[in-house]
Structure formats: C-alpha cells, structure tokens
C-alpha cells in the first residue's frame, strides 16, 4: 500500500496534466503564487496575468499555450493531449472562458465494425485556436480543428463543430451564426468553412 501511495504521488507531480484528481498539485491552484509556478512549469506557455482556477482540468499541458488575462474557470476541461501535434490548443490574449467549457483536439476512431471502438484508438489531433478577445459562454463544447475568430462570442451551451470568423455571435447545436457584432438583425445560417 505504501509503495502504491508513493507511485501515485509521483504520478500526480510528474503527469502532463492538472485537475482535482491530481491531489498533490491541485492545492496549488488555490494560491496565486503557487498557481503561477505550477502553470509555468506545466504549460507550453503561460502568461503572468493568466489563471487556472481550482476545479479546472487540463490534459496535455505541455501542448497548450495560454495568453494574457485568460482565466480557466472551474469545471473547464482542456483536452490537449495528442501524439500528433506540438501545440494543440492556443488561447490568445483577453479570451473569456465560462465555467464548464470543454475543448477537444482528438476524436475516437470508429472506422470498422470488426474492432471494438475502445481498441481503434484516436484520429490525428487537430489544433484549436481561440483568437484574441473571443468569449466562450458557460458549457460550450469546441471540437477538434475549430478556430474561434477575434472578438467573437459563442453562446452558452453551444457545440462548435466548425471554425467561426471574427466579430460574430454564434449559438446552438451545432453553433449557427446569430448576428454580426455591431448589427441588430439576426441571421439564420449555419457556419461553414
């Protein structure tokens, strides 16, 4: 039992992830100085003005870049771990991220009926980009390969399956263009690449 505890603590300290399930490092998120020290060590890049709040998860931290004034709120999950990308998630400066947001860079394979899904592995990772000043409402889901344009807004609970341009508001499942920022009329159109 003691050996198992020692191995678990070593894993928590060395793993390329943070979150409530990583007990020996998670407590560091409660204090600004220890949060910064941990995040600067774990993430590919992490600005001094960024924050990861207790209750947030990040997998594949070494493949995630986080810019200025970004706050990763409780319940947010960054699934950035992939064997195919050097940088999987890029969050630029001044991005607003609501609680419970999920960002994925990989998806499970499901190519054949002859092999169980769990044994088929994953498709190659596709990077996600959150451009400067965008806002993801609470519980938004971003799928692999999506880019959210500068100063765009994604409504709470939306699922974004395709990239969206700068300066728009999108919402729904799948996310659809609602309006251009600064204009008062609504548009009923699906976002496409």
Protein backbone atom coordinates (compact mmCIF):
# COMPACT_ATOMS: atom_id res chain seq x y z
CA UNK A 1 0.00 0.00 0.00
CA UNK A 2 2.81 2.45 0.87
CA UNK A 3 4.54 1.79 -2.47
CA UNK A 4 1.24 2.39 -4.25
CA UNK A 5 0.82 5.74 -2.46
CA UNK A 6 4.37 6.81 -3.36
CA UNK A 7 3.80 5.87 -7.03
CA UNK A 8 0.52 7.81 -7.08
CA UNK A 9 2.11 10.95 -5.61
CA UNK A 10 4.96 10.73 -8.15
CA UNK A 11 2.38 10.42 -10.95
CA UNK A 12 0.44 13.45 -9.67
CA UNK A 13 3.63 15.53 -9.62
CA UNK A 14 5.05 14.35 -12.97
CA UNK A 15 1.93 13.97 -15.14
CA UNK A 16 1.35 16.38 -18.03
CA UNK A 17 -1.97 17.45 -16.53
CA UNK A 18 -3.63 19.38 -13.74
CA UNK A 19 -7.03 19.00 -12.12
CA UNK A 20 -8.89 18.00 -8.97
CA UNK A 21 -7.86 14.36 -9.49
CA UNK A 22 -4.17 15.37 -9.17
CA UNK A 23 -4.20 15.87 -5.40
CA UNK A 24 -0.58 16.76 -4.73
CA UNK A 25 -0.63 19.59 -7.30
CA UNK A 26 -4.28 20.70 -7.31
CA UNK A 27 -3.98 22.55 -4.00
CA UNK A 28 -1.50 24.90 -5.69
CA UNK A 29 -4.31 26.39 -7.80
CA UNK A 30 -5.81 27.96 -4.66
CA UNK A 31 -2.91 30.41 -4.24
CA UNK A 32 -1.78 32.87 -6.94
CA UNK A 33 1.97 32.35 -6.41
CA UNK A 34 1.86 28.54 -6.38
CA UNK A 35 -0.68 28.51 -9.25
CA UNK A 36 1.68 30.58 -11.42
CA UNK A 37 4.68 28.44 -10.52
CA UNK A 38 2.79 25.22 -11.35
CA UNK A 39 1.27 26.52 -14.59
CA UNK A 40 4.53 28.00 -15.88
CA UNK A 41 6.15 24.61 -15.28
CA UNK A 42 3.34 22.53 -16.83
CA UNK A 43 2.06 24.57 -19.83
CA UNK A 44 3.86 25.22 -23.13
CA UNK A 45 3.47 28.92 -22.37
CA UNK A 46 1.52 30.66 -19.63
CA UNK A 47 1.38 34.44 -19.11
CA UNK A 48 1.88 36.01 -15.66
CA UNK A 49 -1.63 37.52 -15.88
CA UNK A 50 -3.38 34.22 -16.71
CA UNK A 51 -5.09 31.99 -14.15
CA UNK A 52 -6.23 28.41 -13.80
CA UNK A 53 -8.86 28.22 -11.09
CA UNK A 54 -9.38 25.25 -8.76
CA UNK A 55 -11.73 22.71 -10.33
CA UNK A 56 -10.40 23.16 -13.86
CA UNK A 57 -8.74 20.32 -15.77
CA UNK A 58 -6.01 20.41 -18.43
CA UNK A 59 -4.61 17.29 -20.09
CA UNK A 60 -1.52 17.62 -22.26
CA UNK A 61 -0.49 20.89 -20.58
CA UNK A 62 2.85 20.94 -22.41
CA UNK A 63 0.92 21.28 -25.68
CA UNK A 64 -1.28 24.21 -24.55
CA UNK A 65 -0.45 27.93 -24.84
CA UNK A 66 -2.32 30.45 -22.69
CA UNK A 67 -2.00 34.20 -23.23
CA UNK A 68 -2.55 37.36 -21.20
CA UNK A 69 -5.60 37.88 -18.98
CA UNK A 70 -7.06 34.43 -19.65
CA UNK A 71 -8.91 32.70 -16.81
CA UNK A 72 -9.63 28.98 -16.98
CA UNK A 73 -12.69 28.68 -14.73
CA UNK A 74 -13.85 25.75 -12.57
CA UNK A 75 -15.27 22.83 -14.49
CA UNK A 76 -13.47 23.78 -17.70
CA UNK A 77 -11.67 20.87 -19.38
CA UNK A 78 -8.87 21.34 -21.90
CA UNK A 79 -8.22 18.00 -23.61
CA UNK A 80 -4.97 18.98 -25.35
CA UNK A 81 -3.11 15.69 -25.12
CA UNK A 82 -2.17 14.27 -28.53
CA UNK A 83 0.76 12.44 -30.09
CA UNK A 84 0.44 14.28 -33.42
CA UNK A 85 0.74 17.99 -32.51
CA UNK A 86 3.44 20.05 -30.83
CA UNK A 87 0.89 22.72 -29.84
CA UNK A 88 -2.70 21.53 -29.63
CA UNK A 89 -4.62 24.41 -28.04
CA UNK A 90 -3.73 28.09 -28.39
CA UNK A 91 -5.66 30.57 -26.26
CA UNK A 92 -4.64 34.11 -27.21
CA UNK A 93 -4.80 37.25 -25.04
CA UNK A 94 -8.01 38.55 -23.43
CA UNK A 95 -10.09 35.42 -24.11
CA UNK A 96 -13.10 34.94 -21.83
CA UNK A 97 -13.92 31.33 -20.95
CA UNK A 98 -17.06 30.48 -18.97
CA UNK A 99 -17.29 27.64 -16.47
CA UNK A 100 -17.70 24.12 -17.79
CA UNK A 101 -16.21 24.75 -21.25
CA UNK A 102 -14.75 21.66 -22.95
CA UNK A 103 -12.13 21.79 -25.70
CA UNK A 104 -11.10 18.68 -27.64
CA UNK A 105 -8.28 18.17 -30.17
CA UNK A 106 -8.82 14.45 -30.88
CA UNK A 107 -11.75 12.16 -31.53
CA UNK A 108 -12.07 8.38 -31.17
CA UNK A 109 -11.79 6.33 -34.35
CA UNK A 110 -14.85 4.41 -35.47
CA UNK A 111 -13.81 3.07 -38.88
CA UNK A 112 -14.65 -0.59 -38.65
CA UNK A 113 -17.23 -2.91 -37.15
CA UNK A 114 -14.64 -5.69 -36.70
CA UNK A 115 -12.75 -3.95 -33.86
CA UNK A 116 -14.28 -2.57 -30.66
CA UNK A 117 -14.28 1.21 -30.50
CA UNK A 118 -12.00 1.33 -27.47
CA UNK A 119 -9.32 -0.56 -29.41
CA UNK A 120 -9.46 1.61 -32.57
CA UNK A 121 -7.54 4.49 -30.99
CA UNK A 122 -7.94 8.14 -32.00
CA UNK A 123 -7.78 10.14 -35.20
CA UNK A 124 -4.81 12.51 -35.52
CA UNK A 125 -5.16 15.63 -33.41
CA UNK A 126 -6.38 18.87 -34.97
CA UNK A 127 -5.35 22.13 -33.26
CA UNK A 128 -7.85 24.50 -31.67
CA UNK A 129 -7.32 28.27 -31.74
CA UNK A 130 -9.16 30.79 -29.57
CA UNK A 131 -8.26 34.16 -31.08
CA UNK A 132 -7.77 37.37 -29.15
CA UNK A 133 -10.78 38.73 -27.30
CA UNK A 134 -13.26 35.95 -28.05
CA UNK A 135 -15.77 34.80 -25.45
CA UNK A 136 -16.98 31.26 -24.83
CA UNK A 137 -20.10 31.13 -22.67
CA UNK A 138 -20.60 28.52 -19.96
CA UNK A 139 -20.65 24.86 -21.02
CA UNK A 140 -19.56 25.47 -24.63
CA UNK A 141 -18.00 22.48 -26.39
CA UNK A 142 -15.28 23.09 -29.01
CA UNK A 143 -14.46 20.15 -31.29
CA UNK A 144 -11.10 19.32 -32.96
CA UNK A 145 -9.77 21.72 -35.60
CA UNK A 146 -12.01 24.67 -34.68
CA UNK A 147 -10.82 28.27 -34.71
CA UNK A 148 -12.87 30.94 -32.95
CA UNK A 149 -12.23 34.34 -34.57
CA UNK A 150 -11.18 37.53 -32.80
CA UNK A 151 -13.84 39.16 -30.62
CA UNK A 152 -16.45 36.54 -31.50
CA UNK A 153 -18.99 35.26 -28.98
CA UNK A 154 -20.14 31.66 -28.57
CA UNK A 155 -23.44 31.41 -26.66
CA UNK A 156 -23.66 29.26 -23.53
CA UNK A 157 -24.22 25.56 -24.14
CA UNK A 158 -23.26 25.71 -27.82
CA UNK A 159 -21.39 22.96 -29.64
CA UNK A 160 -18.94 24.37 -32.17
CA UNK A 161 -18.17 21.86 -34.94
CA UNK A 162 -16.64 24.28 -37.49
CA UNK A 163 -14.44 27.38 -37.35
CA UNK A 164 -16.17 30.74 -37.00
CA UNK A 165 -14.96 34.11 -38.29
CA UNK A 166 -14.08 37.22 -36.29
CA UNK A 167 -16.75 39.57 -34.98
CA UNK A 168 -19.79 37.29 -34.89
CA UNK A 169 -22.18 35.79 -32.36
CA UNK A 170 -22.96 32.09 -32.72
CA UNK A 171 -25.11 29.75 -30.66
CA UNK A 172 -26.81 26.37 -30.76
CA UNK A 173 -26.07 22.73 -31.57
CA UNK A 174 -24.39 22.87 -33.96
CA UNK A 175 -23.46 26.53 -33.50
CA UNK A 176 -25.09 28.80 -36.09
CA UNK A 177 -24.49 32.42 -36.95
CA UNK A 178 -26.87 34.63 -34.97
CA UNK A 179 -25.55 38.07 -35.87
CA UNK A 180 -22.52 40.14 -36.69
CA UNK A 181 -21.27 42.13 -33.72
CA UNK A 182 -22.44 45.73 -34.01
CA UNK A 183 -25.51 44.83 -36.10
CA UNK A 184 -29.00 44.38 -34.71
CA UNK A 185 -30.52 41.93 -37.21
CA UNK A 186 -30.45 38.15 -36.89
CA UNK A 187 -29.21 35.68 -39.48
CA UNK A 188 -30.39 32.08 -39.82
CA UNK A 189 -27.37 30.42 -41.40
CA UNK A 190 -25.11 27.50 -40.48
CA UNK A 191 -21.42 28.36 -40.03
CA UNK A 192 -19.22 26.58 -42.56
CA UNK A 193 -15.57 26.62 -43.56
